Amino acid sequence: MKRAAVEKLRTKNVWLAHLRRHRGEAVACVCEFQMGRFRKGQRVGGCGNPRCWVCHSEKLGREPRLSQLRSIETFKEGLAEALLANTAVV
């Protein structure tokens, strides 16, 4: 609910802009009374297109996420500890 409250002004503006495009038409649109329909899927900082290189360059460029970088570092540390343990035995 917090996200809906934060995005309320933007949602209302997008909804009103959509309604302005329908003025003059005799048939009422389904979205006439559904302001919340325009809230999800349209982020404030993005365009909503999952294939947009401007908004999703990390994902499309296959750059590793933070969790992947952490797991790689943990793996490297484990290998270093295993090598140290093997050399200590010899």
N, C-alpha and C. Protein backbone atom coordinates (compact mmCIF):
# COMPACT_ATOMS: atom_id res chain seq x y z
N MET A 1 0.81 -1.20 0.00
CA MET A 1 0.00 0.00 0.00
C MET A 1 0.86 1.27 0.00
N LYS A 2 2.06 1.18 0.53
CA LYS A 2 2.91 2.35 0.57
C LYS A 2 3.28 2.80 -0.85
N ARG A 3 3.56 1.83 -1.71
CA ARG A 3 3.93 2.17 -3.08
C ARG A 3 2.77 2.86 -3.79
N ALA A 4 1.54 2.38 -3.55
CA ALA A 4 0.38 2.99 -4.18
C ALA A 4 0.21 4.43 -3.72
N ALA A 5 0.48 4.69 -2.44
CA ALA A 5 0.35 6.05 -1.92
C ALA A 5 1.43 6.95 -2.50
N VAL A 6 2.63 6.42 -2.66
CA VAL A 6 3.73 7.22 -3.20
C VAL A 6 3.47 7.57 -4.67
N GLU A 7 2.91 6.65 -5.42
CA GLU A 7 2.70 6.84 -6.85
C GLU A 7 1.32 7.40 -7.19
N LYS A 8 0.54 7.81 -6.21
CA LYS A 8 -0.84 8.23 -6.46
C LYS A 8 -0.93 9.42 -7.41
N LEU A 9 -0.11 10.44 -7.20
CA LEU A 9 -0.16 11.63 -8.05
C LEU A 9 0.19 11.30 -9.50
N ARG A 10 1.23 10.52 -9.68
CA ARG A 10 1.62 10.13 -11.04
C ARG A 10 0.54 9.28 -11.70
N THR A 11 -0.04 8.35 -10.93
CA THR A 11 -1.10 7.49 -11.45
C THR A 11 -2.29 8.32 -11.90
N LYS A 12 -2.65 9.29 -11.09
CA LYS A 12 -3.79 10.15 -11.43
C LYS A 12 -3.51 10.94 -12.70
N ASN A 13 -2.30 11.46 -12.84
CA ASN A 13 -1.95 12.24 -14.03
C ASN A 13 -1.98 11.38 -15.29
N VAL A 14 -1.46 10.15 -15.21
CA VAL A 14 -1.47 9.26 -16.37
C VAL A 14 -2.91 8.90 -16.74
N TRP A 15 -3.74 8.65 -15.74
CA TRP A 15 -5.14 8.30 -15.97
C TRP A 15 -5.89 9.46 -16.62
N LEU A 16 -5.67 10.68 -16.12
CA LEU A 16 -6.34 11.85 -16.70
C LEU A 16 -5.88 12.10 -18.13
N ALA A 17 -4.60 11.89 -18.40
CA ALA A 17 -4.10 12.06 -19.77
C ALA A 17 -4.75 11.03 -20.70
N HIS A 18 -4.94 9.81 -20.19
CA HIS A 18 -5.60 8.78 -20.99
C HIS A 18 -7.06 9.15 -21.25
N LEU A 19 -7.72 9.68 -20.24
CA LEU A 19 -9.12 10.07 -20.42
C LEU A 19 -9.26 11.23 -21.40
N ARG A 20 -8.29 12.14 -21.41
CA ARG A 20 -8.34 13.26 -22.36
C ARG A 20 -8.31 12.78 -23.80
N ARG A 21 -7.63 11.66 -24.04
CA ARG A 21 -7.59 11.11 -25.40
C ARG A 21 -8.93 10.55 -25.82
N HIS A 22 -9.77 10.17 -24.84
CA HIS A 22 -11.07 9.58 -25.14
C HIS A 22 -12.19 10.60 -25.26
N ARG A 23 -11.97 11.82 -24.88
CA ARG A 23 -13.03 12.82 -24.94
C ARG A 23 -13.46 13.04 -26.38
N GLY A 24 -14.74 13.16 -26.57
CA GLY A 24 -15.28 13.31 -27.91
C GLY A 24 -15.81 12.01 -28.46
N GLU A 25 -15.48 10.89 -27.84
CA GLU A 25 -15.99 9.61 -28.27
C GLU A 25 -17.31 9.33 -27.56
N ALA A 26 -18.23 8.72 -28.25
CA ALA A 26 -19.54 8.42 -27.66
C ALA A 26 -19.45 7.19 -26.75
N VAL A 27 -18.58 6.27 -27.08
CA VAL A 27 -18.47 5.03 -26.30
C VAL A 27 -17.50 5.26 -25.14
N ALA A 28 -17.96 4.91 -23.95
CA ALA A 28 -17.09 5.05 -22.77
C ALA A 28 -16.08 3.91 -22.76
N CYS A 29 -14.87 4.23 -22.40
CA CYS A 29 -13.80 3.24 -22.32
C CYS A 29 -13.94 2.44 -21.03
N VAL A 30 -13.41 1.24 -21.01
CA VAL A 30 -13.43 0.39 -19.82
C VAL A 30 -12.67 1.07 -18.68
N CYS A 31 -11.66 1.84 -19.02
CA CYS A 31 -10.80 2.45 -18.03
C CYS A 31 -11.37 3.74 -17.44
N GLU A 32 -12.59 4.09 -17.80
CA GLU A 32 -13.20 5.34 -17.35
C GLU A 32 -13.17 5.51 -15.83
N PHE A 33 -13.47 4.44 -15.10
CA PHE A 33 -13.53 4.52 -13.65
C PHE A 33 -12.47 3.66 -12.97
N GLN A 34 -11.39 3.34 -13.68
CA GLN A 34 -10.35 2.47 -13.14
C GLN A 34 -9.01 3.20 -13.10
N MET A 35 -8.87 4.11 -12.16
CA MET A 35 -7.64 4.88 -12.06
C MET A 35 -6.44 3.98 -11.73
N GLY A 36 -6.64 2.97 -10.88
CA GLY A 36 -5.55 2.10 -10.45
C GLY A 36 -5.00 1.22 -11.56
N ARG A 37 -5.69 1.13 -12.67
CA ARG A 37 -5.23 0.31 -13.79
C ARG A 37 -3.90 0.81 -14.33
N PHE A 38 -3.62 2.08 -14.18
CA PHE A 38 -2.42 2.68 -14.77
C PHE A 38 -1.26 2.73 -13.78
N ARG A 39 -1.40 2.14 -12.60
CA ARG A 39 -0.34 2.22 -11.59
C ARG A 39 0.74 1.19 -11.82
N LYS A 40 0.38 -0.06 -11.99
CA LYS A 40 1.38 -1.12 -12.09
C LYS A 40 1.95 -1.22 -13.50
N GLY A 41 3.17 -1.65 -13.58
CA GLY A 41 3.80 -1.88 -14.87
C GLY A 41 4.40 -0.63 -15.49
N GLN A 42 4.21 0.53 -14.87
CA GLN A 42 4.79 1.75 -15.41
C GLN A 42 5.57 2.41 -14.30
N ARG A 43 6.83 2.16 -14.26
CA ARG A 43 7.67 2.68 -13.18
C ARG A 43 8.00 4.14 -13.41
N VAL A 44 8.28 4.82 -12.33
CA VAL A 44 8.58 6.25 -12.41
C VAL A 44 9.87 6.49 -13.19
N GLY A 45 10.87 5.67 -12.94
CA GLY A 45 12.15 5.89 -13.59
C GLY A 45 12.35 5.09 -14.87
N GLY A 46 11.34 4.37 -15.33
CA GLY A 46 11.51 3.54 -16.50
C GLY A 46 10.35 3.65 -17.46
N CYS A 47 10.52 3.06 -18.62
CA CYS A 47 9.49 3.16 -19.64
C CYS A 47 8.52 1.99 -19.60
N GLY A 48 8.82 0.93 -18.86
CA GLY A 48 7.94 -0.23 -18.80
C GLY A 48 8.26 -1.28 -19.84
N ASN A 49 9.18 -1.01 -20.74
CA ASN A 49 9.56 -1.95 -21.78
C ASN A 49 10.72 -2.81 -21.27
N PRO A 50 10.52 -4.13 -21.10
CA PRO A 50 11.60 -4.96 -20.56
C PRO A 50 12.79 -5.12 -21.50
N ARG A 51 12.67 -4.75 -22.77
CA ARG A 51 13.78 -4.86 -23.71
C ARG A 51 14.44 -3.51 -24.01
N CYS A 52 14.16 -2.52 -23.18
CA CYS A 52 14.74 -1.19 -23.38
C CYS A 52 16.16 -1.18 -22.83
N TRP A 53 17.14 -0.85 -23.67
CA TRP A 53 18.54 -0.85 -23.24
C TRP A 53 18.85 0.32 -22.31
N VAL A 54 18.09 1.40 -22.39
CA VAL A 54 18.33 2.54 -21.51
C VAL A 54 17.94 2.18 -20.08
N CYS A 55 16.79 1.53 -19.90
CA CYS A 55 16.29 1.21 -18.56
C CYS A 55 16.85 -0.10 -18.00
N HIS A 56 17.15 -1.06 -18.87
CA HIS A 56 17.54 -2.40 -18.42
C HIS A 56 18.87 -2.84 -19.02
N SER A 57 19.84 -1.94 -19.07
CA SER A 57 21.11 -2.28 -19.71
C SER A 57 21.87 -3.37 -18.96
N GLU A 58 21.76 -3.38 -17.63
CA GLU A 58 22.46 -4.41 -16.85
C GLU A 58 21.90 -5.80 -17.16
N LYS A 59 20.59 -5.89 -17.24
CA LYS A 59 19.95 -7.18 -17.49
C LYS A 59 20.23 -7.65 -18.92
N LEU A 60 20.05 -6.78 -19.88
CA LEU A 60 20.23 -7.17 -21.28
C LEU A 60 21.70 -7.39 -21.63
N GLY A 61 22.60 -6.68 -20.95
CA GLY A 61 24.02 -6.86 -21.17
C GLY A 61 24.61 -8.02 -20.38
N ARG A 62 23.77 -8.69 -19.63
CA ARG A 62 24.13 -9.86 -18.82
C ARG A 62 25.24 -9.55 -17.81
N GLU A 63 25.19 -8.36 -17.24
CA GLU A 63 26.13 -8.03 -16.16
C GLU A 63 25.68 -8.76 -14.90
N PRO A 64 26.63 -9.27 -14.13
CA PRO A 64 26.24 -10.02 -12.93
C PRO A 64 25.58 -9.13 -11.88
N ARG A 65 24.55 -9.68 -11.24
CA ARG A 65 23.86 -8.95 -10.17
C ARG A 65 24.70 -9.02 -8.90
N LEU A 66 24.30 -8.26 -7.90
CA LEU A 66 25.03 -8.20 -6.64
C LEU A 66 25.10 -9.57 -5.97
N SER A 67 23.99 -10.31 -5.99
CA SER A 67 24.00 -11.64 -5.37
C SER A 67 24.94 -12.59 -6.10
N GLN A 68 25.02 -12.47 -7.42
CA GLN A 68 25.94 -13.31 -8.18
C GLN A 68 27.40 -12.95 -7.87
N LEU A 69 27.68 -11.66 -7.73
CA LEU A 69 29.04 -11.25 -7.39
C LEU A 69 29.44 -11.76 -6.02
N ARG A 70 28.49 -11.73 -5.08
CA ARG A 70 28.77 -12.25 -3.74
C ARG A 70 29.07 -13.74 -3.77
N SER A 71 28.28 -14.48 -4.54
CA SER A 71 28.50 -15.93 -4.59
C SER A 71 29.83 -16.27 -5.27
N ILE A 72 30.24 -15.49 -6.25
CA ILE A 72 31.54 -15.70 -6.90
C ILE A 72 32.67 -15.46 -5.90
N GLU A 73 32.56 -14.38 -5.12
CA GLU A 73 33.58 -14.08 -4.11
C GLU A 73 33.64 -15.17 -3.04
N THR A 74 32.48 -15.65 -2.61
CA THR A 74 32.45 -16.72 -1.62
C THR A 74 33.11 -17.98 -2.17
N PHE A 75 32.86 -18.29 -3.44
CA PHE A 75 33.47 -19.46 -4.08
C PHE A 75 34.99 -19.31 -4.13
N LYS A 76 35.48 -18.11 -4.50
CA LYS A 76 36.92 -17.88 -4.58
C LYS A 76 37.57 -18.02 -3.21
N GLU A 77 36.90 -17.47 -2.17
CA GLU A 77 37.44 -17.60 -0.82
C GLU A 77 37.47 -19.05 -0.37
N GLY A 78 36.45 -19.82 -0.74
CA GLY A 78 36.43 -21.24 -0.39
C GLY A 78 37.55 -22.00 -1.06
N LEU A 79 37.82 -21.68 -2.33
CA LEU A 79 38.93 -22.32 -3.03
C LEU A 79 40.27 -21.97 -2.39
N ALA A 80 40.43 -20.70 -2.00
CA ALA A 80 41.68 -20.28 -1.37
C ALA A 80 41.88 -20.99 -0.04
N GLU A 81 40.82 -21.13 0.74
CA GLU A 81 40.92 -21.85 2.03
C GLU A 81 41.23 -23.32 1.81
N ALA A 82 40.65 -23.91 0.78
CA ALA A 82 40.90 -25.33 0.49
C ALA A 82 42.36 -25.55 0.07
N LEU A 83 42.90 -24.64 -0.72
CA LEU A 83 44.29 -24.74 -1.14
C LEU A 83 45.24 -24.57 0.05
N LEU A 84 44.91 -23.63 0.94
CA LEU A 84 45.74 -23.44 2.13
C LEU A 84 45.70 -24.66 3.04
N ALA A 85 44.52 -25.27 3.14
CA ALA A 85 44.41 -26.46 3.98
C ALA A 85 45.19 -27.62 3.38
N ASN A 86 45.20 -27.75 2.06
CA ASN A 86 45.94 -28.83 1.41
C ASN A 86 47.45 -28.63 1.53
N THR A 87 47.92 -27.40 1.46
CA THR A 87 49.36 -27.16 1.56
C THR A 87 49.84 -27.28 3.01
N ALA A 88 48.96 -27.06 3.97
CA ALA A 88 49.34 -27.18 5.37
C ALA A 88 49.55 -28.64 5.75
N VAL A 89 48.81 -29.53 5.11
CA VAL A 89 48.92 -30.96 5.41
C VAL A 89 50.23 -31.51 4.89
N VAL A 90 50.69 -31.04 3.74
CA VAL A 90 51.90 -31.55 3.12
C VAL A 90 53.09 -31.05 3.75
